N, C-alpha and C. Protein backbone atom coordinates (compact mmCIF):
# COMPACT_ATOMS: atom_id res chain seq x y z
N MET A 1 -19.60 -45.11 33.99
CA MET A 1 -19.79 -46.05 32.89
C MET A 1 -19.74 -45.26 31.56
N ARG A 2 -20.30 -43.87 31.66
CA ARG A 2 -20.25 -43.16 30.48
C ARG A 2 -18.87 -42.67 30.07
N ILE A 3 -18.04 -42.36 31.07
CA ILE A 3 -16.68 -41.85 30.65
C ILE A 3 -15.90 -42.90 30.01
N PRO A 4 -15.73 -44.18 30.37
CA PRO A 4 -15.02 -45.15 29.73
C PRO A 4 -15.50 -45.27 28.18
N LEU A 5 -16.81 -45.23 28.08
CA LEU A 5 -17.48 -45.39 26.68
C LEU A 5 -16.91 -44.26 25.79
N ALA A 6 -17.02 -43.02 26.45
CA ALA A 6 -16.68 -41.87 25.66
C ALA A 6 -15.25 -41.96 25.24
N LEU A 7 -14.29 -42.41 26.16
CA LEU A 7 -12.85 -42.52 25.83
C LEU A 7 -12.67 -43.63 24.74
N ALA A 8 -13.43 -44.60 24.84
CA ALA A 8 -13.30 -45.74 23.75
C ALA A 8 -13.77 -45.19 22.48
N CYS A 9 -14.69 -44.34 22.36
CA CYS A 9 -15.10 -43.73 21.15
C CYS A 9 -14.18 -42.77 20.59
N LEU A 10 -13.55 -41.98 21.48
CA LEU A 10 -12.51 -40.94 20.98
C LEU A 10 -11.25 -41.66 20.52
N SER A 11 -10.79 -42.78 21.17
CA SER A 11 -9.66 -43.47 20.70
C SER A 11 -9.88 -44.17 19.39
N ALA A 12 -11.11 -44.65 19.21
CA ALA A 12 -11.38 -45.24 17.92
C ALA A 12 -11.49 -44.17 16.85
N ALA A 13 -11.95 -43.05 17.05
CA ALA A 13 -12.03 -41.91 16.19
C ALA A 13 -10.51 -41.44 15.80
N GLY A 14 -9.66 -41.55 16.72
CA GLY A 14 -8.25 -41.18 16.52
C GLY A 14 -7.52 -42.05 15.61
N CYS A 15 -8.07 -43.37 15.43
CA CYS A 15 -7.36 -44.28 14.68
C CYS A 15 -7.82 -44.27 13.11
N VAL A 16 -8.70 -43.35 12.80
CA VAL A 16 -9.32 -43.27 11.51
C VAL A 16 -8.29 -42.75 10.44
N ASP A 17 -8.19 -43.33 9.29
CA ASP A 17 -7.23 -42.93 8.32
C ASP A 17 -7.76 -41.67 7.74
N THR A 18 -7.03 -40.44 7.82
CA THR A 18 -7.47 -39.20 7.33
C THR A 18 -6.70 -38.70 6.11
N ALA A 19 -6.23 -39.69 5.32
CA ALA A 19 -5.49 -39.28 4.12
C ALA A 19 -6.49 -38.53 3.06
N HIS A 20 -7.71 -38.81 3.10
CA HIS A 20 -8.71 -38.20 2.17
C HIS A 20 -9.01 -36.80 2.53
N PHE A 21 -8.62 -36.36 3.61
CA PHE A 21 -9.09 -34.98 4.17
C PHE A 21 -8.12 -33.87 3.78
N ARG A 22 -8.59 -32.87 3.23
CA ARG A 22 -7.64 -31.71 2.95
C ARG A 22 -7.80 -30.63 3.86
N GLY A 23 -6.72 -30.17 4.40
CA GLY A 23 -6.85 -29.06 5.46
C GLY A 23 -7.49 -27.70 4.87
N GLU A 24 -7.22 -27.58 3.53
CA GLU A 24 -7.71 -26.29 2.95
C GLU A 24 -8.71 -26.81 1.85
N GLY A 25 -9.90 -27.00 2.26
CA GLY A 25 -10.86 -27.62 1.32
C GLY A 25 -11.35 -26.60 0.17
N PHE A 26 -11.09 -25.32 0.43
CA PHE A 26 -11.53 -24.37 -0.56
C PHE A 26 -10.28 -23.71 -1.25
N SER A 27 -9.23 -24.34 -1.30
CA SER A 27 -7.99 -23.82 -1.98
C SER A 27 -8.16 -23.46 -3.41
N ASN A 28 -9.06 -24.21 -4.03
CA ASN A 28 -9.28 -23.91 -5.41
C ASN A 28 -10.03 -22.58 -5.64
N TYR A 29 -10.64 -22.10 -4.73
CA TYR A 29 -11.46 -20.82 -4.82
C TYR A 29 -10.64 -19.59 -4.61
N TYR A 30 -9.46 -19.59 -4.04
CA TYR A 30 -8.69 -18.39 -3.90
C TYR A 30 -7.30 -18.62 -4.41
N ARG A 31 -6.62 -17.45 -4.60
CA ARG A 31 -5.32 -17.44 -5.13
C ARG A 31 -4.25 -17.90 -4.00
N GLY A 32 -3.35 -18.71 -4.42
CA GLY A 32 -2.42 -19.11 -3.45
C GLY A 32 -1.28 -18.05 -3.22
N PRO A 33 -0.35 -18.27 -2.23
CA PRO A 33 0.65 -17.33 -1.91
C PRO A 33 1.52 -17.10 -3.18
N ALA A 34 2.12 -15.97 -3.21
CA ALA A 34 3.07 -15.64 -4.35
C ALA A 34 4.32 -16.43 -4.15
N GLU A 35 4.71 -17.10 -5.36
CA GLU A 35 5.98 -17.85 -5.29
C GLU A 35 7.17 -16.90 -5.22
N GLU A 36 7.07 -15.76 -5.82
CA GLU A 36 8.08 -14.65 -5.77
C GLU A 36 7.44 -13.39 -5.75
N THR A 37 8.12 -12.28 -5.38
CA THR A 37 7.60 -10.99 -5.27
C THR A 37 7.11 -10.43 -6.51
N GLN A 38 5.87 -10.16 -6.52
CA GLN A 38 5.32 -9.53 -7.77
C GLN A 38 5.07 -8.05 -7.63
N GLY A 39 5.63 -7.30 -8.63
CA GLY A 39 5.44 -5.92 -8.71
C GLY A 39 6.69 -5.29 -8.45
N PRO A 40 6.71 -4.00 -8.25
CA PRO A 40 5.59 -3.12 -8.23
C PRO A 40 4.85 -2.79 -9.47
N ARG A 41 3.50 -2.74 -9.30
CA ARG A 41 2.78 -2.38 -10.55
C ARG A 41 1.99 -1.04 -10.30
N ARG A 42 2.23 -0.19 -11.26
CA ARG A 42 1.54 1.16 -11.12
C ARG A 42 0.02 0.93 -11.30
N VAL A 43 -0.82 1.30 -10.36
CA VAL A 43 -2.19 1.16 -10.38
C VAL A 43 -2.87 2.43 -10.83
N GLU A 44 -2.41 3.59 -10.21
CA GLU A 44 -3.10 4.87 -10.45
C GLU A 44 -2.05 5.94 -10.39
N SER A 45 -2.36 7.01 -11.04
CA SER A 45 -1.53 8.31 -10.94
C SER A 45 -2.52 9.41 -10.74
N ARG A 46 -2.05 10.33 -9.89
CA ARG A 46 -2.87 11.54 -9.69
C ARG A 46 -2.00 12.83 -9.63
N GLU A 47 -2.55 13.98 -9.91
CA GLU A 47 -1.88 15.19 -9.78
C GLU A 47 -1.95 15.77 -8.36
N ILE A 48 -0.87 16.37 -7.88
CA ILE A 48 -0.93 17.07 -6.59
C ILE A 48 -0.94 18.51 -6.97
N LEU A 49 -2.07 19.25 -6.52
CA LEU A 49 -2.38 20.67 -6.87
C LEU A 49 -2.34 21.53 -5.71
N HIS A 50 -1.74 22.69 -5.73
CA HIS A 50 -1.66 23.49 -4.62
C HIS A 50 -2.28 24.94 -5.01
N TRP A 51 -2.98 25.61 -4.16
CA TRP A 51 -3.48 26.94 -4.26
C TRP A 51 -3.75 27.58 -2.87
N LYS A 52 -3.68 28.90 -2.98
CA LYS A 52 -3.76 29.58 -1.64
C LYS A 52 -5.29 29.85 -1.29
N ASN A 53 -5.96 30.72 -2.14
CA ASN A 53 -7.26 31.17 -1.89
C ASN A 53 -8.31 30.70 -2.93
N ASP A 54 -7.92 31.06 -4.21
CA ASP A 54 -8.76 30.89 -5.30
C ASP A 54 -8.42 29.56 -5.98
N PRO A 55 -9.51 28.63 -6.05
CA PRO A 55 -9.15 27.37 -6.68
C PRO A 55 -8.87 27.38 -8.19
N ARG A 56 -9.16 28.56 -8.82
CA ARG A 56 -8.88 28.66 -10.22
C ARG A 56 -7.45 28.95 -10.45
N GLU A 57 -6.67 29.16 -9.44
CA GLU A 57 -5.20 29.36 -9.50
C GLU A 57 -4.43 28.08 -9.03
N LYS A 58 -4.97 26.91 -9.33
CA LYS A 58 -4.30 25.70 -9.02
C LYS A 58 -2.98 25.65 -9.75
N LYS A 59 -1.98 25.21 -9.08
CA LYS A 59 -0.66 24.98 -9.59
C LYS A 59 -0.23 23.46 -9.31
N ARG A 60 0.21 22.79 -10.36
CA ARG A 60 0.66 21.53 -10.18
C ARG A 60 2.05 21.52 -9.48
N VAL A 61 2.21 20.80 -8.30
CA VAL A 61 3.50 20.81 -7.61
C VAL A 61 4.12 19.29 -7.70
N GLY A 62 3.41 18.31 -8.21
CA GLY A 62 3.93 16.92 -8.40
C GLY A 62 2.92 15.95 -8.77
N TYR A 63 3.25 14.77 -8.77
CA TYR A 63 2.29 13.67 -9.10
C TYR A 63 2.48 12.58 -7.95
N LEU A 64 1.45 11.90 -7.60
CA LEU A 64 1.34 10.88 -6.66
C LEU A 64 0.90 9.60 -7.34
N HIS A 65 1.86 8.64 -7.43
CA HIS A 65 1.71 7.28 -8.16
C HIS A 65 1.45 6.20 -7.11
N ARG A 66 0.35 5.47 -7.26
CA ARG A 66 0.02 4.44 -6.29
C ARG A 66 0.49 3.17 -7.04
N TYR A 67 1.30 2.35 -6.19
CA TYR A 67 1.82 0.98 -6.74
C TYR A 67 1.28 -0.03 -5.92
N GLU A 68 1.17 -1.31 -6.35
CA GLU A 68 0.88 -2.49 -5.46
C GLU A 68 2.03 -3.58 -5.73
N VAL A 69 2.32 -4.13 -4.58
CA VAL A 69 3.37 -5.16 -4.54
C VAL A 69 2.78 -6.40 -3.67
N GLN A 70 2.99 -7.63 -4.26
CA GLN A 70 2.62 -8.81 -3.54
C GLN A 70 3.85 -9.49 -3.12
N PRO A 71 4.26 -9.39 -1.80
CA PRO A 71 5.49 -10.02 -1.35
C PRO A 71 5.44 -11.57 -1.42
N LYS A 72 6.69 -12.02 -1.53
CA LYS A 72 6.91 -13.55 -1.66
C LYS A 72 6.19 -14.21 -0.48
N GLY A 73 5.32 -15.25 -0.68
CA GLY A 73 4.80 -16.08 0.35
C GLY A 73 3.50 -15.41 0.92
N SER A 74 2.99 -14.43 0.27
CA SER A 74 1.84 -13.77 0.87
C SER A 74 0.66 -13.68 -0.12
N ARG A 75 -0.49 -13.69 0.33
CA ARG A 75 -1.75 -13.50 -0.57
C ARG A 75 -2.03 -12.13 -0.55
N ASP A 76 -1.61 -11.29 0.37
CA ASP A 76 -2.00 -9.88 0.61
C ASP A 76 -1.24 -9.00 -0.40
N VAL A 77 -1.80 -7.95 -0.95
CA VAL A 77 -1.14 -6.93 -1.80
C VAL A 77 -1.04 -5.70 -0.89
N ARG A 78 0.27 -5.20 -0.96
CA ARG A 78 0.68 -3.96 -0.17
C ARG A 78 0.71 -2.81 -1.14
N GLU A 79 0.21 -1.71 -0.71
CA GLU A 79 0.27 -0.43 -1.49
C GLU A 79 1.44 0.35 -0.98
N CYS A 80 2.05 1.09 -1.97
CA CYS A 80 3.01 2.18 -1.70
C CYS A 80 2.72 3.23 -2.66
N TYR A 81 3.31 4.38 -2.40
CA TYR A 81 3.17 5.57 -3.15
C TYR A 81 4.56 6.13 -3.62
N TYR A 82 4.69 6.56 -4.76
CA TYR A 82 5.95 7.35 -5.16
C TYR A 82 5.39 8.80 -5.45
N ILE A 83 6.24 9.72 -5.06
CA ILE A 83 5.93 11.19 -5.40
C ILE A 83 6.95 11.62 -6.36
N SER A 84 6.57 12.18 -7.50
CA SER A 84 7.49 12.68 -8.51
C SER A 84 7.26 14.22 -8.63
N ASP A 85 8.16 14.88 -9.26
CA ASP A 85 8.21 16.40 -9.30
C ASP A 85 7.06 16.86 -10.35
N ALA A 86 6.97 18.16 -10.55
CA ALA A 86 5.92 18.71 -11.24
C ALA A 86 6.00 18.24 -12.81
N SER A 87 7.08 18.00 -13.15
CA SER A 87 7.26 17.54 -14.60
C SER A 87 6.89 15.91 -14.78
N GLY A 88 6.98 15.31 -13.72
CA GLY A 88 6.62 13.95 -13.72
C GLY A 88 7.74 13.08 -14.12
N LYS A 89 8.95 13.56 -14.30
CA LYS A 89 10.17 12.72 -14.75
C LYS A 89 11.03 12.20 -13.70
N LYS A 90 11.05 12.93 -12.59
CA LYS A 90 12.05 12.45 -11.44
C LYS A 90 11.21 12.18 -10.21
N GLU A 91 11.51 11.07 -9.58
CA GLU A 91 10.82 10.71 -8.39
C GLU A 91 11.70 11.24 -7.32
N ILE A 92 10.89 11.91 -6.46
CA ILE A 92 11.47 12.74 -5.41
C ILE A 92 11.14 12.13 -3.97
N GLY A 93 10.21 11.27 -3.85
CA GLY A 93 9.76 10.77 -2.53
C GLY A 93 8.99 9.39 -2.59
N PHE A 94 8.84 8.91 -1.39
CA PHE A 94 8.10 7.68 -1.31
C PHE A 94 7.30 7.65 -0.04
N VAL A 95 6.01 7.08 -0.18
CA VAL A 95 5.15 6.93 1.00
C VAL A 95 4.83 5.54 1.22
N THR A 96 5.00 4.90 2.58
CA THR A 96 4.67 3.64 2.80
C THR A 96 3.15 3.39 3.01
N ALA A 97 2.73 2.26 3.06
CA ALA A 97 1.20 1.95 3.24
C ALA A 97 0.76 2.53 4.56
N GLU A 98 1.71 2.65 5.49
CA GLU A 98 1.38 3.13 6.89
C GLU A 98 1.35 4.66 6.96
N GLY A 99 1.76 5.33 5.78
CA GLY A 99 1.77 6.93 5.83
C GLY A 99 3.00 7.54 6.23
N VAL A 100 4.15 6.78 6.16
CA VAL A 100 5.41 7.38 6.46
C VAL A 100 6.12 7.94 5.26
N PHE A 101 6.37 9.32 5.35
CA PHE A 101 6.93 9.96 4.08
C PHE A 101 8.44 9.99 4.10
N TYR A 102 9.11 9.62 3.00
CA TYR A 102 10.59 9.68 2.74
C TYR A 102 10.80 10.56 1.57
N ARG A 103 12.02 11.25 1.64
CA ARG A 103 12.54 11.86 0.45
C ARG A 103 13.69 11.01 -0.18
N PHE A 104 13.92 11.20 -1.35
CA PHE A 104 15.05 10.43 -1.97
C PHE A 104 16.23 11.49 -1.96
N ASP A 105 17.45 10.94 -1.81
CA ASP A 105 18.59 11.83 -1.94
C ASP A 105 19.01 11.95 -3.39
N ALA A 106 20.18 12.52 -3.53
CA ALA A 106 20.74 12.74 -5.03
C ALA A 106 21.02 11.44 -5.70
N ARG A 107 21.29 10.33 -4.90
CA ARG A 107 21.62 9.04 -5.44
C ARG A 107 20.34 8.16 -5.66
N GLY A 108 19.26 8.67 -5.30
CA GLY A 108 17.96 7.93 -5.46
C GLY A 108 17.63 6.91 -4.25
N ARG A 109 18.34 7.18 -3.13
CA ARG A 109 18.15 6.27 -1.95
C ARG A 109 17.26 7.08 -0.93
N LEU A 110 16.50 6.35 -0.05
CA LEU A 110 15.70 7.02 0.99
C LEU A 110 16.64 7.75 2.00
N GLU A 111 16.25 8.94 2.28
CA GLU A 111 16.88 9.73 3.34
C GLU A 111 16.37 9.26 4.61
N GLU A 112 17.18 9.25 5.61
CA GLU A 112 16.80 9.11 6.93
C GLU A 112 17.14 10.34 7.71
N PRO A 113 16.38 10.72 8.62
CA PRO A 113 15.11 10.18 9.15
C PRO A 113 13.96 10.49 8.13
N PRO A 114 12.86 9.86 8.24
CA PRO A 114 11.73 10.20 7.40
C PRO A 114 11.22 11.47 7.65
N VAL A 115 10.44 12.15 6.69
CA VAL A 115 9.87 13.48 6.80
C VAL A 115 8.85 13.44 7.95
N GLY A 116 8.14 12.26 8.01
CA GLY A 116 7.14 12.21 9.11
C GLY A 116 6.08 11.13 8.73
N ALA A 117 5.27 10.90 9.68
CA ALA A 117 4.18 9.96 9.45
C ALA A 117 2.85 10.62 9.62
N TYR A 118 1.93 10.49 8.56
CA TYR A 118 0.76 11.25 8.58
C TYR A 118 -0.36 10.30 8.11
N THR A 119 -1.47 10.41 8.82
CA THR A 119 -2.55 9.53 8.44
C THR A 119 -3.40 10.18 7.27
N VAL A 120 -3.32 11.43 7.18
CA VAL A 120 -4.07 12.30 6.11
C VAL A 120 -3.08 12.57 5.01
N VAL A 121 -3.14 12.08 3.85
CA VAL A 121 -2.18 12.23 2.75
C VAL A 121 -1.95 13.81 2.44
N THR A 122 -3.04 14.47 2.43
CA THR A 122 -2.82 15.77 1.96
C THR A 122 -1.87 16.70 3.06
N THR A 123 -2.05 16.29 4.23
CA THR A 123 -1.19 16.94 5.33
C THR A 123 0.25 16.50 5.23
N GLY A 124 0.38 15.25 4.86
CA GLY A 124 1.77 14.79 4.73
C GLY A 124 2.43 15.44 3.55
N LEU A 125 1.70 15.56 2.41
CA LEU A 125 2.18 16.23 1.20
C LEU A 125 2.47 17.60 1.47
N LYS A 126 1.61 18.26 2.27
CA LYS A 126 1.96 19.78 2.54
C LYS A 126 3.33 19.89 3.32
N VAL A 127 3.62 19.00 4.23
CA VAL A 127 4.88 19.01 4.98
C VAL A 127 5.98 18.57 4.10
N PHE A 128 5.73 17.60 3.16
CA PHE A 128 6.78 17.09 2.24
C PHE A 128 7.19 18.20 1.27
N PHE A 129 6.27 19.03 0.81
CA PHE A 129 6.62 20.07 -0.26
C PHE A 129 6.94 21.33 0.43
N GLY A 130 6.75 21.47 1.80
CA GLY A 130 7.05 22.74 2.40
C GLY A 130 5.93 23.75 2.33
N ILE A 131 4.71 23.27 2.11
CA ILE A 131 3.65 24.24 1.90
C ILE A 131 2.92 24.42 3.26
N PRO A 132 2.54 25.72 3.54
CA PRO A 132 1.93 26.12 4.86
C PRO A 132 0.64 25.24 4.98
N LEU A 133 0.26 24.84 6.28
CA LEU A 133 -0.82 24.03 6.38
C LEU A 133 -2.09 24.84 6.28
N SER A 134 -1.99 26.10 6.16
CA SER A 134 -3.23 27.03 6.02
C SER A 134 -3.57 27.00 4.49
N ASP A 135 -2.57 26.63 3.60
CA ASP A 135 -2.95 26.73 2.22
C ASP A 135 -3.69 25.43 1.81
N ASN A 136 -4.17 25.42 0.59
CA ASN A 136 -5.01 24.38 0.07
C ASN A 136 -4.14 23.36 -0.78
N LEU A 137 -4.42 22.04 -0.64
CA LEU A 137 -3.61 21.16 -1.51
C LEU A 137 -4.57 19.98 -1.71
N ASP A 138 -4.72 19.44 -3.10
CA ASP A 138 -5.66 18.38 -3.32
C ASP A 138 -4.89 17.49 -4.32
N VAL A 139 -5.38 16.18 -4.23
CA VAL A 139 -4.89 15.17 -5.18
C VAL A 139 -5.97 14.71 -6.11
N GLU A 140 -5.81 15.09 -7.40
CA GLU A 140 -6.90 14.87 -8.27
C GLU A 140 -6.58 14.02 -9.43
N PRO A 141 -7.44 13.39 -10.09
CA PRO A 141 -7.18 12.55 -11.25
C PRO A 141 -6.50 13.39 -12.37
N ILE A 142 -5.62 12.97 -13.09
CA ILE A 142 -4.95 13.73 -14.22
C ILE A 142 -5.84 13.98 -15.23
N ASP A 143 -5.86 15.32 -15.50
CA ASP A 143 -6.77 15.81 -16.63
C ASP A 143 -5.98 15.94 -17.96
N PRO A 144 -6.34 15.04 -18.98
CA PRO A 144 -5.46 15.09 -20.15
C PRO A 144 -5.66 16.30 -21.08
N TYR A 145 -6.70 17.09 -20.74
CA TYR A 145 -6.97 18.25 -21.57
C TYR A 145 -6.46 19.54 -20.96
N ARG A 146 -5.80 19.46 -19.87
CA ARG A 146 -5.33 20.72 -19.19
C ARG A 146 -4.01 21.04 -19.56
């Protein structure tokens, strides 16, 4: 007796007009997906500094620029990094959000195969610049007074 009654209630509930219901009731509270790819936008720039033993002998070997890109149809922002030379004028490499390091060839295209994939950025930068792993390397904010 209870099963036919339950089926009758479910079938009646299935016939209700649900035009007033919104699937995303909180859509006004968050940004919608991007209609077109936005970016890349430079978010941060840092110096790449190398020294052997004495930190007072730091030498700039390049810059690491962090960019953000929001792909079309996505709410998420992806990060990527560009590596430029010590003068900061020429981009010489690229790092994906997953930590895969690439060099640019003479025409400005990514060289294949990649330099490698590293979870620690400083280790990847040491391999990228050919610096021995026993040396010191740090990524610091740019000091305008230096």
